[in-house]
PDB file of N, CA and C in Angstrom:
ATOM      1  N   MET A   1     -71.416-120.625 124.050  1.00  0.00           N
ATOM      2  CA  MET A   1     -70.964-119.292 125.159  1.00  0.00           C
ATOM      3  C   MET A   1     -70.024-119.265 126.315  1.00  0.00           C
ATOM      4  N   VAL A   2     -69.866-120.447 126.918  1.00  0.00           N
ATOM      5  CA  VAL A   2     -68.678-120.920 128.088  1.00  0.00           C
ATOM      6  C   VAL A   2     -67.422-120.175 127.208  1.00  0.00           C
ATOM      7  N   ALA A   3     -66.927-120.658 125.798  1.00  0.00           N
ATOM      8  CA  ALA A   3     -66.296-120.121 125.414  1.00  0.00           C
ATOM      9  C   ALA A   3     -66.104-118.716 125.018  1.00  0.00           C
ATOM     10  N   GLU A   4     -66.935-118.350 124.952  1.00  0.00           N
ATOM     11  CA  GLU A   4     -66.990-116.522 124.877  1.00  0.00           C
ATOM     12  C   GLU A   4     -66.681-116.129 126.119  1.00  0.00           C
ATOM     13  N   ASN A   5     -67.110-116.527 127.493  1.00  0.00           N
ATOM     14  CA  ASN A   5     -66.586-116.183 128.516  1.00  0.00           C
ATOM     15  C   ASN A   5     -65.322-116.464 129.191  1.00  0.00           C
ATOM     16  N   ILE A   6     -64.725-117.542 128.013  1.00  0.00           N
ATOM     17  CA  ILE A   6     -63.396-117.557 128.854  1.00  0.00           C
ATOM     18  C   ILE A   6     -62.534-116.700 128.061  1.00  0.00           C
ATOM     19  N   GLY A   7     -63.050-116.235 126.897  1.00  0.00           N
ATOM     20  CA  GLY A   7     -62.149-115.314 125.731  1.00  0.00           C
ATOM     21  C   GLY A   7     -62.363-113.624 126.746  1.00  0.00           C
ATOM     22  N   GLU A   8     -63.731-113.520 127.109  1.00  0.00           N
ATOM     23  CA  GLU A   8     -63.776-112.555 127.827  1.00  0.00           C
ATOM     24  C   GLU A   8     -62.708-112.121 129.242  1.00  0.00           C
ATOM     25  N   TYR A   9     -62.761-113.456 129.988  1.00  0.00           N
ATOM     26  CA  TYR A   9     -62.016-113.321 131.257  1.00  0.00           C
ATOM     27  C   TYR A   9     -60.594-112.757 130.817  1.00  0.00           C
ATOM     28  N   LEU A  10     -60.222-113.855 129.679  1.00  0.00           N
ATOM     29  CA  LEU A  10     -58.597-113.858 129.448  1.00  0.00           C
ATOM     30  C   LEU A  10     -58.459-111.882 129.041  1.00  0.00           C
ATOM     31  N   LYS A  11     -59.505-111.122 128.536  1.00  0.00           N
ATOM     32  CA  LYS A  11     -59.153-109.839 128.219  1.00  0.00           C
ATOM     33  C   LYS A  11     -59.376-109.342 129.433  1.00  0.00           C
ATOM     34  N   GLU A  12     -60.414-109.365 130.184  1.00  0.00           N
ATOM     35  CA  GLU A  12     -60.296-108.592 131.542  1.00  0.00           C
ATOM     36  C   GLU A  12     -59.478-108.654 132.657  1.00  0.00           C
ATOM     37  N   ASN A  13     -58.841-109.983 132.517  1.00  0.00           N
ATOM     38  CA  ASN A  13     -57.707-110.157 133.480  1.00  0.00           C
ATOM     39  C   ASN A  13     -56.108-110.159 133.024  1.00  0.00           C
ATOM     40  N   GLY A  14     -56.151-109.636 131.596  1.00  0.00           N
ATOM     41  CA  GLY A  14     -54.787-109.368 130.655  1.00  0.00           C
ATOM     42  C   GLY A  14     -53.878-110.669 130.524  1.00  0.00           C
ATOM     43  N   ILE A  15     -54.894-111.614 130.452  1.00  0.00           N
ATOM     44  CA  ILE A  15     -54.113-112.960 129.835  1.00  0.00           C
ATOM     45  C   ILE A  15     -53.576-113.054 128.240  1.00  0.00           C
ATOM     46  N   LYS A  16     -53.035-113.450 128.195  1.00  0.00           N
ATOM     47  CA  LYS A  16     -52.648-113.754 126.396  1.00  0.00           C
ATOM     48  C   LYS A  16     -53.535-115.104 126.212  1.00  0.00           C
ATOM     49  N   GLN A  17     -53.976-115.010 125.143  1.00  0.00           N
ATOM     50  CA  GLN A  17     -54.519-116.279 124.454  1.00  0.00           C
ATOM     51  C   GLN A  17     -53.355-116.986 124.322  1.00  0.00           C
ATOM     52  N   THR A  18     -51.984-116.783 123.541  1.00  0.00           N
ATOM     53  CA  THR A  18     -51.215-117.936 123.411  1.00  0.00           C
ATOM     54  C   THR A  18     -50.420-118.349 124.857  1.00  0.00           C
ATOM     55  N   TRP A  19     -50.465-117.646 125.642  1.00  0.00           N
ATOM     56  CA  TRP A  19     -49.807-118.133 127.012  1.00  0.00           C
ATOM     57  C   TRP A  19     -50.826-119.305 127.521  1.00  0.00           C
ATOM     58  N   LEU A  20     -52.092-119.215 127.604  1.00  0.00           N
ATOM     59  CA  LEU A  20     -52.909-120.325 127.756  1.00  0.00           C
ATOM     60  C   LEU A  20     -52.679-121.188 127.116  1.00  0.00           C
ATOM     61  N   SER A  21     -52.849-121.313 125.571  1.00  0.00           N
ATOM     62  CA  SER A  21     -52.947-122.249 124.885  1.00  0.00           C
ATOM     63  C   SER A  21     -51.779-123.208 125.106  1.00  0.00           C
ATOM     64  N   GLU A  22     -50.172-122.729 125.071  1.00  0.00           N
ATOM     65  CA  GLU A  22     -49.504-123.336 125.671  1.00  0.00           C
ATOM     66  C   GLU A  22     -49.396-123.975 127.124  1.00  0.00           C
ATOM     67  N   GLN A  23     -49.985-123.525 127.926  1.00  0.00           N
ATOM     68  CA  GLN A  23     -50.403-123.817 129.399  1.00  0.00           C
ATOM     69  C   GLN A  23     -51.034-124.968 129.194  1.00  0.00           C
ATOM     70  N   ILE A  24     -52.113-125.242 128.334  1.00  0.00           N
ATOM     71  CA  ILE A  24     -53.043-126.412 128.346  1.00  0.00           C
ATOM     72  C   ILE A  24     -52.753-127.426 127.028  1.00  0.00           C
ATOM     73  N   GLY A  25     -51.493-127.001 126.478  1.00  0.00           N
ATOM     74  CA  GLY A  25     -50.745-127.917 125.519  1.00  0.00           C
ATOM     75  C   GLY A  25     -51.781-128.266 124.017  1.00  0.00           C
ATOM     76  N   VAL A  26     -52.093-126.968 123.580  1.00  0.00           N
ATOM     77  CA  VAL A  26     -52.872-127.334 122.320  1.00  0.00           C
ATOM     78  C   VAL A  26     -52.362-125.717 121.538  1.00  0.00           C
ATOM     79  N   PRO A  27     -52.488-125.976 120.352  1.00  0.00           N
ATOM     80  CA  PRO A  27     -51.746-124.891 119.443  1.00  0.00           C
ATOM     81  C   PRO A  27     -52.521-123.915 119.522  1.00  0.00           C
ATOM     82  N   ASN A  28     -52.049-122.457 119.340  1.00  0.00           N
ATOM     83  CA  ASN A  28     -52.924-121.483 119.571  1.00  0.00           C
ATOM     84  C   ASN A  28     -53.909-121.292 118.558  1.00  0.00           C
ATOM     85  N   THR A  29     -53.903-122.092 117.505  1.00  0.00           N
ATOM     86  CA  THR A  29     -54.838-121.622 116.366  1.00  0.00           C
ATOM     87  C   THR A  29     -55.891-122.740 116.467  1.00  0.00           C
ATOM     88  N   THR A  30     -55.829-123.568 117.471  1.00  0.00           N
ATOM     89  CA  THR A  30     -57.087-124.402 117.796  1.00  0.00           C
ATOM     90  C   THR A  30     -57.521-123.824 119.149  1.00  0.00           C
ATOM     91  N   PHE A  31     -56.564-123.180 120.076  1.00  0.00           N
ATOM     92  CA  PHE A  31     -57.378-122.449 120.757  1.00  0.00           C
ATOM     93  C   PHE A  31     -58.427-121.462 120.509  1.00  0.00           C
ATOM     94  N   ASN A  32     -57.508-120.732 119.143  1.00  0.00           N
ATOM     95  CA  ASN A  32     -58.693-119.375 118.915  1.00  0.00           C
ATOM     96  C   ASN A  32     -59.873-119.846 118.251  1.00  0.00           C
ATOM     97  N   GLY A  33     -59.942-120.906 117.608  1.00  0.00           N
ATOM     98  CA  GLY A  33     -60.791-121.874 117.091  1.00  0.00           C
ATOM     99  C   GLY A  33     -62.134-121.857 118.199  1.00  0.00           C
ATOM    100  N   ILE A  34     -61.460-122.518 119.521  1.00  0.00           N
ATOM    101  CA  ILE A  34     -62.313-122.536 120.639  1.00  0.00           C
ATOM    102  C   ILE A  34     -63.044-121.390 120.872  1.00  0.00           C
ATOM    103  N   LEU A  35     -62.439-120.554 121.147  1.00  0.00           N
ATOM    104  CA  LEU A  35     -62.791-118.903 121.530  1.00  0.00           C
ATOM    105  C   LEU A  35     -64.122-118.156 120.333  1.00  0.00           C
ATOM    106  N   ASN A  36     -63.673-118.503 119.262  1.00  0.00           N
ATOM    107  CA  ASN A  36     -64.227-118.160 118.357  1.00  0.00           C
ATOM    108  C   ASN A  36     -65.872-118.967 117.875  1.00  0.00           C
ATOM    109  N   GLY A  37     -65.876-120.138 118.366  1.00  0.00           N
ATOM    110  CA  GLY A  37     -66.952-121.435 118.268  1.00  0.00           C
ATOM    111  C   GLY A  37     -66.831-121.912 117.062  1.00  0.00           C
ATOM    112  N   ARG A  38     -65.508-121.853 116.324  1.00  0.00           N
ATOM    113  CA  ARG A  38     -65.269-122.760 115.262  1.00  0.00           C
ATOM    114  C   ARG A  38     -64.799-123.896 115.556  1.00  0.00           C
ATOM    115  N   THR A  39     -64.149-124.569 116.797  1.00  0.00           N
ATOM    116  CA  THR A  39     -64.119-125.779 117.492  1.00  0.00           C
ATOM    117  C   THR A  39     -64.739-126.176 118.577  1.00  0.00           C
ATOM    118  N   GLU A  40     -65.238-127.060 118.676  1.00  0.00           N
ATOM    119  CA  GLU A  40     -65.918-127.250 120.018  1.00  0.00           C
ATOM    120  C   GLU A  40     -65.346-127.564 121.264  1.00  0.00           C
ATOM    121  N   LEU A  41     -65.412-126.894 122.476  1.00  0.00           N
ATOM    122  CA  LEU A  41     -64.702-126.676 123.623  1.00  0.00           C
ATOM    123  C   LEU A  41     -64.878-128.390 124.140  1.00  0.00           C
ATOM    124  N   LYS A  42     -64.160-129.322 124.250  1.00  0.00           N
ATOM    125  CA  LYS A  42     -64.324-130.523 124.913  1.00  0.00           C
ATOM    126  C   LYS A  42     -64.157-130.479 126.619  1.00  0.00           C
ATOM    127  N   ALA A  43     -64.831-131.129 127.163  1.00  0.00           N
ATOM    128  CA  ALA A  43     -65.057-130.906 128.286  1.00  0.00           C
ATOM    129  C   ALA A  43     -63.186-131.226 129.289  1.00  0.00           C
ATOM    130  N   ASP A  44     -62.340-132.268 129.032  1.00  0.00           N
ATOM    131  CA  ASP A  44     -61.321-132.187 129.148  1.00  0.00           C
ATOM    132  C   ASP A  44     -60.577-131.018 128.950  1.00  0.00           C
ATOM    133  N   MET A  45     -60.215-130.321 127.882  1.00  0.00           N
ATOM    134  CA  MET A  45     -59.955-129.138 127.979  1.00  0.00           C
ATOM    135  C   MET A  45     -60.553-127.818 128.797  1.00  0.00           C
ATOM    136  N   PHE A  46     -61.642-127.712 128.647  1.00  0.00           N
ATOM    137  CA  PHE A  46     -62.169-126.725 129.802  1.00  0.00           C
ATOM    138  C   PHE A  46     -61.804-127.152 131.120  1.00  0.00           C
ATOM    139  N   ILE A  47     -61.724-128.342 131.710  1.00  0.00           N
ATOM    140  CA  ILE A  47     -60.752-128.740 132.962  1.00  0.00           C
ATOM    141  C   ILE A  47     -59.605-127.838 133.219  1.00  0.00           C
ATOM    142  N   ARG A  48     -58.765-128.497 131.695  1.00  0.00           N
ATOM    143  CA  ARG A  48     -57.613-127.697 131.923  1.00  0.00           C
ATOM    144  C   ARG A  48     -57.336-126.476 132.227  1.00  0.00           C
ATOM    145  N   ILE A  49     -58.227-125.620 131.125  1.00  0.00           N
ATOM    146  CA  ILE A  49     -58.368-124.445 131.510  1.00  0.00           C
ATOM    147  C   ILE A  49     -58.823-123.564 132.695  1.00  0.00           C
ATOM    148  N   CYS A  50     -59.613-124.060 133.689  1.00  0.00           N
ATOM    149  CA  CYS A  50     -59.903-123.970 134.639  1.00  0.00           C
ATOM    150  C   CYS A  50     -59.167-124.422 135.782  1.00  0.00           C
ATOM    151  N   LYS A  51     -58.102-125.597 135.713  1.00  0.00           N
ATOM    152  CA  LYS A  51     -56.751-125.660 136.369  1.00  0.00           C
ATOM    153  C   LYS A  51     -56.244-124.682 136.002  1.00  0.00           C
ATOM    154  N   VAL A  52     -55.536-124.537 134.822  1.00  0.00           N
ATOM    155  CA  VAL A  52     -54.616-123.273 134.716  1.00  0.00           C
ATOM    156  C   VAL A  52     -54.838-122.059 135.109  1.00  0.00           C
ATOM    157  N   LEU A  53     -55.944-121.735 135.253  1.00  0.00           N
ATOM    158  CA  LEU A  53     -56.443-120.031 135.774  1.00  0.00           C
ATOM    159  C   LEU A  53     -56.892-120.166 137.034  1.00  0.00           C
ATOM    160  N   ASN A  54     -56.839-121.501 137.636  1.00  0.00           N
ATOM    161  CA  ASN A  54     -57.113-121.782 138.969  1.00  0.00           C
ATOM    162  C   ASN A  54     -58.750-121.161 139.583  1.00  0.00           C
ATOM    163  N   VAL A  55     -59.268-120.957 138.553  1.00  0.00           N
ATOM    164  CA  VAL A  55     -60.809-120.524 138.709  1.00  0.00           C
ATOM    165  C   VAL A  55     -61.726-122.206 138.698  1.00  0.00           C
ATOM    166  N   SER A  56     -62.792-122.237 139.194  1.00  0.00           N
ATOM    167  CA  SER A  56     -63.905-122.800 139.084  1.00  0.00           C
ATOM    168  C   SER A  56     -64.707-123.001 137.958  1.00  0.00           C
ATOM    169  N   PRO A  57     -65.314-124.143 137.277  1.00  0.00           N
ATOM    170  CA  PRO A  57     -65.884-124.201 136.279  1.00  0.00           C
ATOM    171  C   PRO A  57     -67.111-122.942 135.952  1.00  0.00           C
ATOM    172  N   GLU A  58     -67.532-123.094 137.375  1.00  0.00           N
ATOM    173  CA  GLU A  58     -68.744-122.266 137.590  1.00  0.00           C
ATOM    174  C   GLU A  58     -68.561-120.350 137.092  1.00  0.00           C
ATOM    175  N   THR A  59     -67.164-120.180 137.477  1.00  0.00           N
ATOM    176  CA  THR A  59     -66.847-118.730 136.750  1.00  0.00           C
ATOM    177  C   THR A  59     -66.835-118.592 135.338  1.00  0.00           C
ATOM    178  N   PHE A  60     -66.936-119.785 134.850  1.00  0.00           N
ATOM    179  CA  PHE A  60     -67.448-119.299 133.128  1.00  0.00           C
ATOM    180  C   PHE A  60     -68.698-119.494 132.876  1.00  0.00           C
ATOM    181  N   ALA A  61     -69.502-120.324 133.565  1.00  0.00           N
ATOM    182  CA  ALA A  61     -70.647-120.830 133.265  1.00  0.00           C
ATOM    183  C   ALA A  61     -71.991-119.717 133.914  1.00  0.00           C
ATOM    184  N   GLU A  62     -71.624-118.791 134.695  1.00  0.00           N
ATOM    185  CA  GLU A  62     -72.217-117.955 135.417  1.00  0.00           C
ATOM    186  C   GLU A  62     -71.949-116.402 134.812  1.00  0.00           C
ATOM    187  N   ARG A  63     -71.126-116.301 133.937  1.00  0.00           N
ATOM    188  CA  ARG A  63     -70.558-115.237 133.557  1.00  0.00           C
ATOM    189  C   ARG A  63     -72.175-114.251 132.730  1.00  0.00           C
ATOM    190  N   GLY A  64     -72.289-112.984 132.632  1.00  0.00           N
ATOM    191  CA  GLY A  64     -73.208-112.375 131.751  1.00  0.00           C
ATOM    192  C   GLY A  64     -74.477-112.607 132.675  1.00  0.00           C
ATOM    193  N   LYS A  65     -74.969-113.272 133.890  1.00  0.00           N
ATOM    194  CA  LYS A  65     -75.913-113.616 134.088  1.00  0.00           C
ATOM    195  C   LYS A  65     -76.353-112.487 135.271  1.00  0.00           C
ATOM    196  N   GLU A  66     -75.519-111.677 135.766  1.00  0.00           N
ATOM    197  CA  GLU A  66     -75.925-110.604 136.423  1.00  0.00           C
ATOM    198  C   GLU A  66     -77.124-109.994 136.149  1.00  0.00           C
TER     199      GLU A  66
END
């Protein structure tokens, strides 16, 4: 769910998946696997994503709960 929310956030904000994968230091294929649920999103990577995007972790945990 959190990985799906990250993907939605990227689309909504016009952020390229390849750009973010470079910023967090993982191959785009790995990051794509995370967003598609084929690869587990580890806590340390989640924190790096939040830092690069300058958002709180709650941004992705709460999406879709409106």
